[in-house]
Amino acid sequence: YPEAFPDARDPEHQSAAALAALAAERLAAGDGGFLDPLPMYLR
């Protein structure tokens, strides 16, 4: 939807590598921030 979001940035698609790196960072810091492994549908 470029008409609504003209300044599109990468990445376009999800990467488990980034998700894993974020989780490792939070675990190392001991600050939590994790969610229950339940589906977030929103509708």
Full PDB file with SEQRES, HELIX, SHEET, SSBOND, CRYST1, ORIGX, SCALE, CONECT and MASTER records, all heavy atoms in Angstrom:
SEQRES   1 A   43  TYR PRO GLU ALA PHE PRO ASP ALA ARG ASP PRO GLU HIS          
SEQRES   2 A   43  GLN SER ALA ALA ALA LEU ALA ALA LEU ALA ALA GLU ARG          
SEQRES   3 A   43  LEU ALA ALA GLY ASP GLY GLY PHE LEU ASP PRO LEU PRO          
SEQRES   4 A   43  MET TYR LEU ARG                                              
HELIX    1 AA1 ALA A   16  ALA A   29  1                                  14    
CRYST1    1.000    1.000    1.000  90.00  90.00  90.00 P 1           1          
ORIGX1      1.000000  0.000000  0.000000        0.00000                         
ORIGX2      0.000000  1.000000  0.000000        0.00000                         
ORIGX3      0.000000  0.000000  1.000000        0.00000                         
SCALE1      1.000000  0.000000  0.000000        0.00000                         
SCALE2      0.000000  1.000000  0.000000        0.00000                         
SCALE3      0.000000  0.000000  1.000000        0.00000                         
ATOM      1  N   TYR A   1       0.836  -1.204   0.000  1.00  0.00           N  
ATOM      2  CA  TYR A   1       0.000   0.000   0.000  1.00  0.00           C  
ATOM      3  C   TYR A   1       0.870   1.253   0.000  1.00  0.00           C  
ATOM      4  O   TYR A   1       0.878   2.029   0.967  1.00  0.00           O  
ATOM      5  CB  TYR A   1      -0.937  -0.023   1.213  1.00  0.00           C  
ATOM      6  CG  TYR A   1      -1.787  -1.266   1.283  1.00  0.00           C  
ATOM      7  CD1 TYR A   1      -1.455  -2.308   2.153  1.00  0.00           C  
ATOM      8  CD2 TYR A   1      -2.898  -1.414   0.456  1.00  0.00           C  
ATOM      9  CE1 TYR A   1      -2.229  -3.469   2.200  1.00  0.00           C  
ATOM     10  CE2 TYR A   1      -3.670  -2.574   0.498  1.00  0.00           C  
ATOM     11  CZ  TYR A   1      -3.322  -3.592   1.365  1.00  0.00           C  
ATOM     12  OH  TYR A   1      -4.085  -4.733   1.404  1.00  0.00           O  
ATOM     13  N   PRO A   2       1.603   1.494  -1.096  1.00  0.00           N  
ATOM     14  CA  PRO A   2       2.512   2.635  -1.137  1.00  0.00           C  
ATOM     15  C   PRO A   2       1.810   3.981  -1.060  1.00  0.00           C  
ATOM     16  O   PRO A   2       2.420   4.974  -0.647  1.00  0.00           O  
ATOM     17  CB  PRO A   2       3.240   2.452  -2.477  1.00  0.00           C  
ATOM     18  CG  PRO A   2       2.306   1.622  -3.311  1.00  0.00           C  
ATOM     19  CD  PRO A   2       1.635   0.698  -2.340  1.00  0.00           C  
ATOM     20  N   GLU A   3       0.530   4.035  -1.444  1.00  0.00           N  
ATOM     21  CA  GLU A   3      -0.190   5.301  -1.362  1.00  0.00           C  
ATOM     22  C   GLU A   3      -0.398   5.725   0.100  1.00  0.00           C  
ATOM     23  O   GLU A   3      -0.459   6.918   0.406  1.00  0.00           O  
ATOM     24  CB  GLU A   3      -1.537   5.196  -2.083  1.00  0.00           C  
ATOM     25  CG  GLU A   3      -2.572   4.289  -1.451  1.00  0.00           C  
ATOM     26  CD  GLU A   3      -2.313   2.794  -1.636  1.00  0.00           C  
ATOM     27  OE1 GLU A   3      -1.359   2.437  -2.360  1.00  0.00           O  
ATOM     28  OE2 GLU A   3      -3.071   1.990  -1.056  1.00  0.00           O  
ATOM     29  N   ALA A   4      -0.490   4.749   1.000  1.00  0.00           N  
ATOM     30  CA  ALA A   4      -0.655   5.052   2.425  1.00  0.00           C  
ATOM     31  C   ALA A   4       0.685   5.140   3.144  1.00  0.00           C  
ATOM     32  O   ALA A   4       0.830   5.889   4.111  1.00  0.00           O  
ATOM     33  CB  ALA A   4      -1.532   3.988   3.097  1.00  0.00           C  
ATOM     34  N   PHE A   5       1.672   4.359   2.666  1.00  0.00           N  
ATOM     35  CA  PHE A   5       2.980   4.287   3.324  1.00  0.00           C  
ATOM     36  C   PHE A   5       4.083   4.535   2.287  1.00  0.00           C  
ATOM     37  O   PHE A   5       4.726   3.590   1.802  1.00  0.00           O  
ATOM     38  CB  PHE A   5       3.169   2.915   3.975  1.00  0.00           C  
ATOM     39  CG  PHE A   5       1.989   2.442   4.782  1.00  0.00           C  
ATOM     40  CD1 PHE A   5       1.347   1.254   4.458  1.00  0.00           C  
ATOM     41  CD2 PHE A   5       1.513   3.182   5.858  1.00  0.00           C  
ATOM     42  CE1 PHE A   5       0.267   0.810   5.191  1.00  0.00           C  
ATOM     43  CE2 PHE A   5       0.430   2.738   6.595  1.00  0.00           C  
ATOM     44  CZ  PHE A   5      -0.210   1.547   6.266  1.00  0.00           C  
ATOM     45  N   PRO A   6       4.316   5.783   1.918  1.00  0.00           N  
ATOM     46  CA  PRO A   6       5.251   6.074   0.827  1.00  0.00           C  
ATOM     47  C   PRO A   6       6.718   5.802   1.158  1.00  0.00           C  
ATOM     48  O   PRO A   6       7.532   5.623   0.250  1.00  0.00           O  
ATOM     49  CB  PRO A   6       5.019   7.557   0.549  1.00  0.00           C  
ATOM     50  CG  PRO A   6       4.450   8.101   1.817  1.00  0.00           C  
ATOM     51  CD  PRO A   6       3.637   6.998   2.407  1.00  0.00           C  
ATOM     52  N   ASP A   7       7.069   5.786   2.455  1.00  0.00           N  
ATOM     53  CA  ASP A   7       8.476   5.562   2.833  1.00  0.00           C  
ATOM     54  C   ASP A   7       8.653   4.125   3.318  1.00  0.00           C  
ATOM     55  O   ASP A   7       8.827   3.855   4.503  1.00  0.00           O  
ATOM     56  CB  ASP A   7       8.889   6.555   3.921  1.00  0.00           C  
ATOM     57  CG  ASP A   7      10.388   6.516   4.208  1.00  0.00           C  
ATOM     58  OD1 ASP A   7      11.114   5.748   3.536  1.00  0.00           O  
ATOM     59  OD2 ASP A   7      10.836   7.246   5.117  1.00  0.00           O  
ATOM     60  N   ALA A   8       8.608   3.172   2.388  1.00  0.00           N  
ATOM     61  CA  ALA A   8       8.749   1.753   2.729  1.00  0.00           C  
ATOM     62  C   ALA A   8      10.218   1.418   2.960  1.00  0.00           C  
ATOM     63  O   ALA A   8      11.092   1.843   2.201  1.00  0.00           O  
ATOM     64  CB  ALA A   8       8.184   0.882   1.610  1.00  0.00           C  
ATOM     65  N   ARG A   9      10.466   0.629   3.999  1.00  0.00           N  
ATOM     66  CA  ARG A   9      11.836   0.250   4.342  1.00  0.00           C  
ATOM     67  C   ARG A   9      11.958  -1.278   4.455  1.00  0.00           C  
ATOM     68  O   ARG A   9      10.987  -1.982   4.726  1.00  0.00           O  
ATOM     69  CB  ARG A   9      12.235   0.875   5.675  1.00  0.00           C  
ATOM     70  CG  ARG A   9      12.167   2.396   5.703  1.00  0.00           C  
ATOM     71  CD  ARG A   9      13.323   3.052   4.984  1.00  0.00           C  
ATOM     72  NE  ARG A   9      13.254   4.515   5.102  1.00  0.00           N  
ATOM     73  CZ  ARG A   9      13.852   5.209   6.070  1.00  0.00           C  
ATOM     74  NH1 ARG A   9      14.564   4.582   6.986  1.00  0.00           N  
ATOM     75  NH2 ARG A   9      13.733   6.525   6.107  1.00  0.00           N  
ATOM     76  N   ASP A  10      13.171  -1.774   4.287  1.00  0.00           N  
ATOM     77  CA  ASP A  10      13.474  -3.181   4.512  1.00  0.00           C  
ATOM     78  C   ASP A  10      13.618  -3.449   6.000  1.00  0.00           C  
ATOM     79  O   ASP A  10      13.937  -2.538   6.771  1.00  0.00           O  
ATOM     80  CB  ASP A  10      14.776  -3.552   3.791  1.00  0.00           C  
ATOM     81  CG  ASP A  10      14.616  -3.563   2.277  1.00  0.00           C  
ATOM     82  OD1 ASP A  10      13.488  -3.803   1.817  1.00  0.00           O  
ATOM     83  OD2 ASP A  10      15.615  -3.333   1.581  1.00  0.00           O  
ATOM     84  N   PRO A  11      13.411  -4.710   6.437  1.00  0.00           N  
ATOM     85  CA  PRO A  11      13.120  -5.877   5.603  1.00  0.00           C  
ATOM     86  C   PRO A  11      11.639  -5.965   5.230  1.00  0.00           C  
ATOM     87  O   PRO A  11      10.783  -5.473   5.962  1.00  0.00           O  
ATOM     88  CB  PRO A  11      13.521  -7.045   6.507  1.00  0.00           C  
ATOM     89  CG  PRO A  11      13.252  -6.545   7.886  1.00  0.00           C  
ATOM     90  CD  PRO A  11      13.603  -5.080   7.858  1.00  0.00           C  
ATOM     91  N   GLU A  12      11.393  -6.621   4.117  1.00  0.00           N  
ATOM     92  CA  GLU A  12      10.012  -6.844   3.705  1.00  0.00           C  
ATOM     93  C   GLU A  12       9.402  -8.016   4.448  1.00  0.00           C  
ATOM     94  O   GLU A  12       8.224  -7.999   4.811  1.00  0.00           O  
ATOM     95  CB  GLU A  12       9.960  -7.098   2.196  1.00  0.00           C  
ATOM     96  CG  GLU A  12       8.550  -7.323   1.654  1.00  0.00           C  
ATOM     97  CD  GLU A  12       8.531  -7.505   0.156  1.00  0.00           C  
ATOM     98  OE1 GLU A  12       9.592  -7.388  -0.484  1.00  0.00           O  
ATOM     99  OE2 GLU A  12       7.436  -7.754  -0.390  1.00  0.00           O  
ATOM    100  N   HIS A  13      10.212  -9.076   4.670  1.00  0.00           N  
ATOM    101  CA  HIS A  13       9.700 -10.314   5.265  1.00  0.00           C  
ATOM    102  C   HIS A  13      10.366 -10.621   6.605  1.00  0.00           C  
ATOM    103  O   HIS A  13      11.500 -10.210   6.864  1.00  0.00           O  
ATOM    104  CB  HIS A  13       9.906 -11.486   4.309  1.00  0.00           C  
ATOM    105  CG  HIS A  13       9.134 -11.356   3.030  1.00  0.00           C  
ATOM    106  ND1 HIS A  13       7.755 -11.401   2.991  1.00  0.00           N  
ATOM    107  CD2 HIS A  13       9.549 -11.151   1.750  1.00  0.00           C  
ATOM    108  CE1 HIS A  13       7.352 -11.247   1.743  1.00  0.00           C  
ATOM    109  NE2 HIS A  13       8.415 -11.085   0.979  1.00  0.00           N  
ATOM    110  N   GLN A  14       9.666 -11.364   7.411  1.00  0.00           N  
ATOM    111  CA  GLN A  14      10.141 -11.766   8.724  1.00  0.00           C  
ATOM    112  C   GLN A  14      11.358 -12.678   8.621  1.00  0.00           C  
ATOM    113  O   GLN A  14      11.504 -13.447   7.665  1.00  0.00           O  
ATOM    114  CB  GLN A  14       9.020 -12.488   9.489  1.00  0.00           C  
ATOM    115  CG  GLN A  14       9.407 -13.093  10.819  1.00  0.00           C  
ATOM    116  CD  GLN A  14       9.706 -12.047  11.886  1.00  0.00           C  
ATOM    117  OE1 GLN A  14      10.445 -11.104  11.654  1.00  0.00           O  
ATOM    118  NE2 GLN A  14       9.132 -12.214  13.058  1.00  0.00           N  
ATOM    119  N   SER A  15      12.232 -12.587   9.617  1.00  0.00           N  
ATOM    120  CA  SER A  15      13.419 -13.433   9.702  1.00  0.00           C  
ATOM    121  C   SER A  15      13.526 -14.007  11.106  1.00  0.00           C  
ATOM    122  O   SER A  15      13.592 -13.255  12.084  1.00  0.00           O  
ATOM    123  CB  SER A  15      14.679 -12.622   9.382  1.00  0.00           C  
ATOM    124  OG  SER A  15      15.832 -13.293   9.820  1.00  0.00           O  
ATOM    125  N   ALA A  16      13.558 -15.345  11.205  1.00  0.00           N  
ATOM    126  CA  ALA A  16      13.729 -15.974  12.512  1.00  0.00           C  
ATOM    127  C   ALA A  16      15.096 -15.660  13.091  1.00  0.00           C  
ATOM    128  O   ALA A  16      15.290 -15.701  14.305  1.00  0.00           O  
ATOM    129  CB  ALA A  16      13.537 -17.482  12.398  1.00  0.00           C  
ATOM    130  N   ALA A  17      16.070 -15.344  12.234  1.00  0.00           N  
ATOM    131  CA  ALA A  17      17.400 -14.963  12.717  1.00  0.00           C  
ATOM    132  C   ALA A  17      17.308 -13.701  13.579  1.00  0.00           C  
ATOM    133  O   ALA A  17      17.920 -13.615  14.651  1.00  0.00           O  
ATOM    134  CB  ALA A  17      18.343 -14.741  11.536  1.00  0.00           C  
ATOM    135  N   ALA A  18      16.536 -12.714  13.121  1.00  0.00           N  
ATOM    136  CA  ALA A  18      16.355 -11.492  13.896  1.00  0.00           C  
ATOM    137  C   ALA A  18      15.570 -11.769  15.173  1.00  0.00           C  
ATOM    138  O   ALA A  18      15.890 -11.239  16.244  1.00  0.00           O  
ATOM    139  CB  ALA A  18      15.640 -10.441  13.056  1.00  0.00           C  
ATOM    140  N   LEU A  19      14.554 -12.608  15.065  1.00  0.00           N  
ATOM    141  CA  LEU A  19      13.750 -12.953  16.239  1.00  0.00           C  
ATOM    142  C   LEU A  19      14.611 -13.649  17.286  1.00  0.00           C  
ATOM    143  O   LEU A  19      14.515 -13.359  18.484  1.00  0.00           O  
ATOM    144  CB  LEU A  19      12.594 -13.866  15.805  1.00  0.00           C  
ATOM    145  CG  LEU A  19      11.341 -13.868  16.676  1.00  0.00           C  
ATOM    146  CD1 LEU A  19      10.633 -12.525  16.607  1.00  0.00           C  
ATOM    147  CD2 LEU A  19      10.393 -14.978  16.228  1.00  0.00           C  
ATOM    148  N   ALA A  20      15.477 -14.566  16.837  1.00  0.00           N  
ATOM    149  CA  ALA A  20      16.367 -15.278  17.758  1.00  0.00           C  
ATOM    150  C   ALA A  20      17.366 -14.330  18.402  1.00  0.00           C  
ATOM    151  O   ALA A  20      17.648 -14.428  19.605  1.00  0.00           O  
ATOM    152  CB  ALA A  20      17.098 -16.391  17.007  1.00  0.00           C  
ATOM    153  N   ALA A  21      17.921 -13.409  17.619  1.00  0.00           N  
ATOM    154  CA  ALA A  21      18.891 -12.458  18.158  1.00  0.00           C  
ATOM    155  C   ALA A  21      18.250 -11.552  19.201  1.00  0.00           C  
ATOM    156  O   ALA A  21      18.850 -11.247  20.236  1.00  0.00           O  
ATOM    157  CB  ALA A  21      19.497 -11.631  17.026  1.00  0.00           C  
ATOM    158  N   LEU A  22      17.020 -11.123  18.939  1.00  0.00           N  
ATOM    159  CA  LEU A  22      16.300 -10.296  19.909  1.00  0.00           C  
ATOM    160  C   LEU A  22      16.044 -11.074  21.190  1.00  0.00           C  
ATOM    161  O   LEU A  22      16.238 -10.550  22.296  1.00  0.00           O  
ATOM    162  CB  LEU A  22      14.979  -9.825  19.298  1.00  0.00           C  
ATOM    163  CG  LEU A  22      14.051  -9.030  20.217  1.00  0.00           C  
ATOM    164  CD1 LEU A  22      14.723  -7.772  20.741  1.00  0.00           C  
ATOM    165  CD2 LEU A  22      12.754  -8.674  19.481  1.00  0.00           C  
ATOM    166  N   ALA A  23      15.624 -12.335  21.060  1.00  0.00           N  
ATOM    167  CA  ALA A  23      15.375 -13.160  22.242  1.00  0.00           C  
ATOM    168  C   ALA A  23      16.656 -13.381  23.037  1.00  0.00           C  
ATOM    169  O   ALA A  23      16.658 -13.294  24.275  1.00  0.00           O  
ATOM    170  CB  ALA A  23      14.777 -14.504  21.822  1.00  0.00           C  
ATOM    171  N   ALA A  24      17.768 -13.667  22.352  1.00  0.00           N  
ATOM    172  CA  ALA A  24      19.039 -13.889  23.036  1.00  0.00           C  
ATOM    173  C   ALA A  24      19.476 -12.641  23.789  1.00  0.00           C  
ATOM    174  O   ALA A  24      19.982 -12.718  24.923  1.00  0.00           O  
ATOM    175  CB  ALA A  24      20.107 -14.292  22.023  1.00  0.00           C  
ATOM    176  N   GLU A  25      19.252 -11.483  23.186  1.00  0.00           N  
ATOM    177  CA  GLU A  25      19.602 -10.215  23.833  1.00  0.00           C  
ATOM    178  C   GLU A  25      18.783 -10.015  25.103  1.00  0.00           C  
ATOM    179  O   GLU A  25      19.320  -9.618  26.146  1.00  0.00           O  
ATOM    180  CB  GLU A  25      19.367  -9.077  22.844  1.00  0.00           C  
ATOM    181  CG  GLU A  25      19.809  -7.721  23.326  1.00  0.00           C  
ATOM    182  CD  GLU A  25      19.613  -6.658  22.250  1.00  0.00           C  
ATOM    183  OE1 GLU A  25      20.374  -6.656  21.265  1.00  0.00           O  
ATOM    184  OE2 GLU A  25      18.681  -5.833  22.408  1.00  0.00           O  
ATOM    185  N   ARG A  26      17.498 -10.299  25.017  1.00  0.00           N  
ATOM    186  CA  ARG A  26      16.635 -10.113  26.194  1.00  0.00           C  
ATOM    187  C   ARG A  26      16.953 -11.134  27.284  1.00  0.00           C  
ATOM    188  O   ARG A  26      16.937 -10.798  28.485  1.00  0.00           O  
ATOM    189  CB  ARG A  26      15.167 -10.217  25.775  1.00  0.00           C  
ATOM    190  CG  ARG A  26      14.702  -9.038  24.941  1.00  0.00           C  
ATOM    191  CD  ARG A  26      13.220  -9.107  24.621  1.00  0.00           C  
ATOM    192  NE  ARG A  26      12.791  -7.934  23.865  1.00  0.00           N  
ATOM    193  CZ  ARG A  26      11.548  -7.723  23.460  1.00  0.00           C  
ATOM    194  NH1 ARG A  26      10.595  -8.607  23.751  1.00  0.00           N  
ATOM    195  NH2 ARG A  26      11.231  -6.639  22.776  1.00  0.00           N  
ATOM    196  N   LEU A  27      17.257 -12.358  26.900  1.00  0.00           N  
ATOM    197  CA  LEU A  27      17.616 -13.373  27.891  1.00  0.00           C  
ATOM    198  C   LEU A  27      18.918 -13.009  28.591  1.00  0.00           C  
ATOM    199  O   LEU A  27      19.048 -13.159  29.809  1.00  0.00           O  
ATOM    200  CB  LEU A  27      17.737 -14.745  27.224  1.00  0.00           C  
ATOM    201  CG  LEU A  27      16.412 -15.409  26.832  1.00  0.00           C  
ATOM    202  CD1 LEU A  27      16.671 -16.613  25.929  1.00  0.00           C  
ATOM    203  CD2 LEU A  27      15.628 -15.848  28.076  1.00  0.00           C  
ATOM    204  N   ALA A  28      19.891 -12.527  27.830  1.00  0.00           N  
ATOM    205  CA  ALA A  28      21.175 -12.151  28.419  1.00  0.00           C  
ATOM    206  C   ALA A  28      21.019 -10.981  29.386  1.00  0.00           C  
ATOM    207  O   ALA A  28      21.700 -10.916  30.413  1.00  0.00           O  
ATOM    208  CB  ALA A  28      22.169 -11.798  27.316  1.00  0.00           C  
ATOM    209  N   ALA A  29      20.109 -10.063  29.058  1.00  0.00           N  
ATOM    210  CA  ALA A  29      19.886  -8.898  29.912  1.00  0.00           C  
ATOM    211  C   ALA A  29      19.017  -9.234  31.118  1.00  0.00           C  
ATOM    212  O   ALA A  29      18.977  -8.466  32.089  1.00  0.00           O  
ATOM    213  CB  ALA A  29      19.245  -7.777  29.107  1.00  0.00           C  
ATOM    214  N   GLY A  30      18.304 -10.361  31.032  1.00  0.00           N  
ATOM    215  CA  GLY A  30      17.434 -10.770  32.125  1.00  0.00           C  
ATOM    216  C   GLY A  30      16.243  -9.873  32.325  1.00  0.00           C  
ATOM    217  O   GLY A  30      15.662  -9.819  33.414  1.00  0.00           O  
ATOM    218  N   ASP A  31      15.848  -9.159  31.255  1.00  0.00           N  
ATOM    219  CA  ASP A  31      14.744  -8.207  31.411  1.00  0.00           C  
ATOM    220  C   ASP A  31      13.404  -8.734  30.913  1.00  0.00           C  
ATOM    221  O   ASP A  31      12.424  -8.002  30.839  1.00  0.00           O  
ATOM    222  CB  ASP A  31      15.073  -6.890  30.701  1.00  0.00           C  
ATOM    223  CG  ASP A  31      15.299  -7.057  29.194  1.00  0.00           C  
ATOM    224  OD1 ASP A  31      15.199  -8.194  28.712  1.00  0.00           O  
ATOM    225  OD2 ASP A  31      15.571  -6.043  28.524  1.00  0.00           O  
ATOM    226  N   GLY A  32      13.342 -10.009  30.581  1.00  0.00           N  
ATOM    227  CA  GLY A  32      12.065 -10.604  30.171  1.00  0.00           C  
ATOM    228  C   GLY A  32      11.563 -10.008  28.872  1.00  0.00           C  
ATOM    229  O   GLY A  32      12.282  -9.939  27.886  1.00  0.00           O  
ATOM    230  N   GLY A  33      10.303  -9.582  28.898  1.00  0.00           N  
ATOM    231  CA  GLY A  33       9.715  -9.022  27.693  1.00  0.00           C  
ATOM    232  C   GLY A  33       9.146 -10.058  26.759  1.00  0.00           C  
ATOM    233  O   GLY A  33       8.840  -9.752  25.605  1.00  0.00           O  
ATOM    234  N   PHE A  34       8.982 -11.287  27.259  1.00  0.00           N  
ATOM    235  CA  PHE A  34       8.438 -12.349  26.423  1.00  0.00           C  
ATOM    236  C   PHE A  34       6.935 -12.487  26.626  1.00  0.00           C  
ATOM    237  O   PHE A  34       6.387 -12.136  27.675  1.00  0.00           O  
ATOM    238  CB  PHE A  34       9.134 -13.675  26.728  1.00  0.00           C  
ATOM    239  CG  PHE A  34      10.586 -13.674  26.364  1.00  0.00           C  
ATOM    240  CD1 PHE A  34      11.569 -13.577  27.345  1.00  0.00           C  
ATOM    241  CD2 PHE A  34      10.980 -13.750  25.040  1.00  0.00           C  
ATOM    242  CE1 PHE A  34      12.907 -13.567  27.007  1.00  0.00           C  
ATOM    243  CE2 PHE A  34      12.321 -13.728  24.687  1.00  0.00           C  
ATOM    244  CZ  PHE A  34      13.291 -13.638  25.675  1.00  0.00           C  
ATOM    245  N   LEU A  35       6.280 -13.020  25.614  1.00  0.00           N  
ATOM    246  CA  LEU A  35       4.841 -13.245  25.647  1.00  0.00           C  
ATOM    247  C   LEU A  35       4.550 -14.723  25.808  1.00  0.00           C  
ATOM    248  O   LEU A  35       5.379 -15.581  25.463  1.00  0.00           O  
ATOM    249  CB  LEU A  35       4.208 -12.753  24.338  1.00  0.00           C  
ATOM    250  CG  LEU A  35       4.460 -11.293  23.967  1.00  0.00           C  
ATOM    251  CD1 LEU A  35       3.919 -11.009  22.567  1.00  0.00           C  
ATOM    252  CD2 LEU A  35       3.827 -10.362  24.990  1.00  0.00           C  
ATOM    253  N   ASP A  36       3.378 -15.034  26.326  1.00  0.00           N  
ATOM    254  CA  ASP A  36       2.947 -16.428  26.344  1.00  0.00           C  
ATOM    255  C   ASP A  36       2.855 -16.924  24.900  1.00  0.00           C  
ATOM    256  O   ASP A  36       2.442 -16.164  24.012  1.00  0.00           O  
ATOM    257  CB  ASP A  36       1.584 -16.573  27.024  1.00  0.00           C  
ATOM    258  CG  ASP A  36       1.650 -16.296  28.514  1.00  0.00           C  
ATOM    259  OD1 ASP A  36       2.728 -16.491  29.106  1.00  0.00           O  
ATOM    260  OD2 ASP A  36       0.620 -15.882  29.085  1.00  0.00           O  
ATOM    261  N   PRO A  37       3.228 -18.178  24.653  1.00  0.00           N  
ATOM    262  CA  PRO A  37       3.194 -18.709  23.279  1.00  0.00           C  
ATOM    263  C   PRO A  37       1.775 -19.043  22.825  1.00  0.00           C  
ATOM    264  O   PRO A  37       1.427 -20.182  22.527  1.00  0.00           O  
ATOM    265  CB  PRO A  37       4.077 -19.950  23.361  1.00  0.00           C  
ATOM    266  CG  PRO A  37       3.921 -20.412  24.776  1.00  0.00           C  
ATOM    267  CD  PRO A  37       3.800 -19.153  25.608  1.00  0.00           C  
ATOM    268  N   LEU A  38       0.963 -18.006  22.770  1.00  0.00           N  
ATOM    269  CA  LEU A  38      -0.434 -18.134  22.362  1.00  0.00           C  
ATOM    270  C   LEU A  38      -0.675 -17.244  21.145  1.00  0.00           C  
ATOM    271  O   LEU A  38      -0.072 -16.176  21.021  1.00  0.00           O  
ATOM    272  CB  LEU A  38      -1.369 -17.717  23.502  1.00  0.00           C  
ATOM    273  CG  LEU A  38      -1.240 -18.519  24.792  1.00  0.00           C  
ATOM    274  CD1 LEU A  38      -2.089 -17.890  25.893  1.00  0.00           C  
ATOM    275  CD2 LEU A  38      -1.652 -19.971  24.564  1.00  0.00           C  
ATOM    276  N   PRO A  39      -1.562 -17.650  20.245  1.00  0.00           N  
ATOM    277  CA  PRO A  39      -1.737 -16.902  18.992  1.00  0.00           C  
ATOM    278  C   PRO A  39      -2.357 -15.527  19.196  1.00  0.00           C  
ATOM    279  O   PRO A  39      -3.338 -15.363  19.912  1.00  0.00           O  
ATOM    280  CB  PRO A  39      -2.659 -17.802  18.170  1.00  0.00           C  
ATOM    281  CG  PRO A  39      -3.394 -18.636  19.182  1.00  0.00           C  
ATOM    282  CD  PRO A  39      -2.409 -18.861  20.294  1.00  0.00           C  
ATOM    283  N   MET A  40      -1.761 -14.540  18.549  1.00  0.00           N  
ATOM    284  CA  MET A  40      -2.282 -13.182  18.537  1.00  0.00           C  
ATOM    285  C   MET A  40      -3.003 -12.994  17.194  1.00  0.00           C  
ATOM    286  O   MET A  40      -2.385 -12.678  16.184  1.00  0.00           O  
ATOM    287  CB  MET A  40      -1.137 -12.165  18.673  1.00  0.00           C  
ATOM    288  CG  MET A  40      -1.598 -10.727  18.838  1.00  0.00           C  
ATOM    289  SD  MET A  40      -0.214  -9.537  18.784  1.00  0.00           S  
ATOM    290  CE  MET A  40       0.758 -10.043  20.195  1.00  0.00           C  
ATOM    291  N   TYR A  41      -4.305 -13.228  17.192  1.00  0.00           N  
ATOM    292  CA  TYR A  41      -5.074 -13.160  15.945  1.00  0.00           C  
ATOM    293  C   TYR A  41      -5.584 -11.752  15.638  1.00  0.00           C  
ATOM    294  O   TYR A  41      -5.590 -11.312  14.498  1.00  0.00           O  
ATOM    295  CB  TYR A  41      -6.277 -14.109  16.005  1.00  0.00           C  
ATOM    296  CG  TYR A  41      -5.924 -15.572  16.047  1.00  0.00           C  
ATOM    297  CD1 TYR A  41      -6.510 -16.415  16.984  1.00  0.00           C  
ATOM    298  CD2 TYR A  41      -5.023 -16.119  15.138  1.00  0.00           C  
ATOM    299  CE1 TYR A  41      -6.202 -17.761  17.020  1.00  0.00           C  
ATOM    300  CE2 TYR A  41      -4.707 -17.459  15.173  1.00  0.00           C  
ATOM    301  CZ  TYR A  41      -5.303 -18.292  16.121  1.00  0.00           C  
ATOM    302  OH  TYR A  41      -4.999 -19.619  16.153  1.00  0.00           O  
ATOM    303  N   LEU A  42      -6.073 -11.050  16.648  1.00  0.00           N  
ATOM    304  CA  LEU A  42      -6.656  -9.710  16.543  1.00  0.00           C  
ATOM    305  C   LEU A  42      -8.010  -9.668  15.844  1.00  0.00           C  
ATOM    306  O   LEU A  42      -8.667  -8.636  15.835  1.00  0.00           O  
ATOM    307  CB  LEU A  42      -5.698  -8.727  15.848  1.00  0.00           C  
ATOM    308  CG  LEU A  42      -4.339  -8.525  16.513  1.00  0.00           C  
ATOM    309  CD1 LEU A  42      -3.575  -7.406  15.800  1.00  0.00           C  
ATOM    310  CD2 LEU A  42      -4.473  -8.204  17.990  1.00  0.00           C  
ATOM    311  N   ARG A  43      -8.413 -10.778  15.250  1.00  0.00           N  
ATOM    312  CA  ARG A  43      -9.748 -10.834  14.648  1.00  0.00           C  
ATOM    313  C   ARG A  43     -10.126 -12.297  14.472  1.00  0.00           C  
ATOM    314  O   ARG A  43      -9.310 -13.197  14.654  1.00  0.00           O  
ATOM    315  CB  ARG A  43      -9.784 -10.098  13.307  1.00  0.00           C  
ATOM    316  CG  ARG A  43      -8.969 -10.756  12.221  1.00  0.00           C  
ATOM    317  CD  ARG A  43      -8.966  -9.921  10.946  1.00  0.00           C  
ATOM    318  NE  ARG A  43      -8.255 -10.610   9.888  1.00  0.00           N  
ATOM    319  CZ  ARG A  43      -7.745 -10.014   8.823  1.00  0.00           C  
ATOM    320  NH1 ARG A  43      -7.876  -8.709   8.666  1.00  0.00           N  
ATOM    321  NH2 ARG A  43      -7.117 -10.711   7.903  1.00  0.00           N  
TER     322      ARG A  43                                                      
MASTER        0    0    0    1    0    0    0    6  321    1    0    4          
END                                                                             
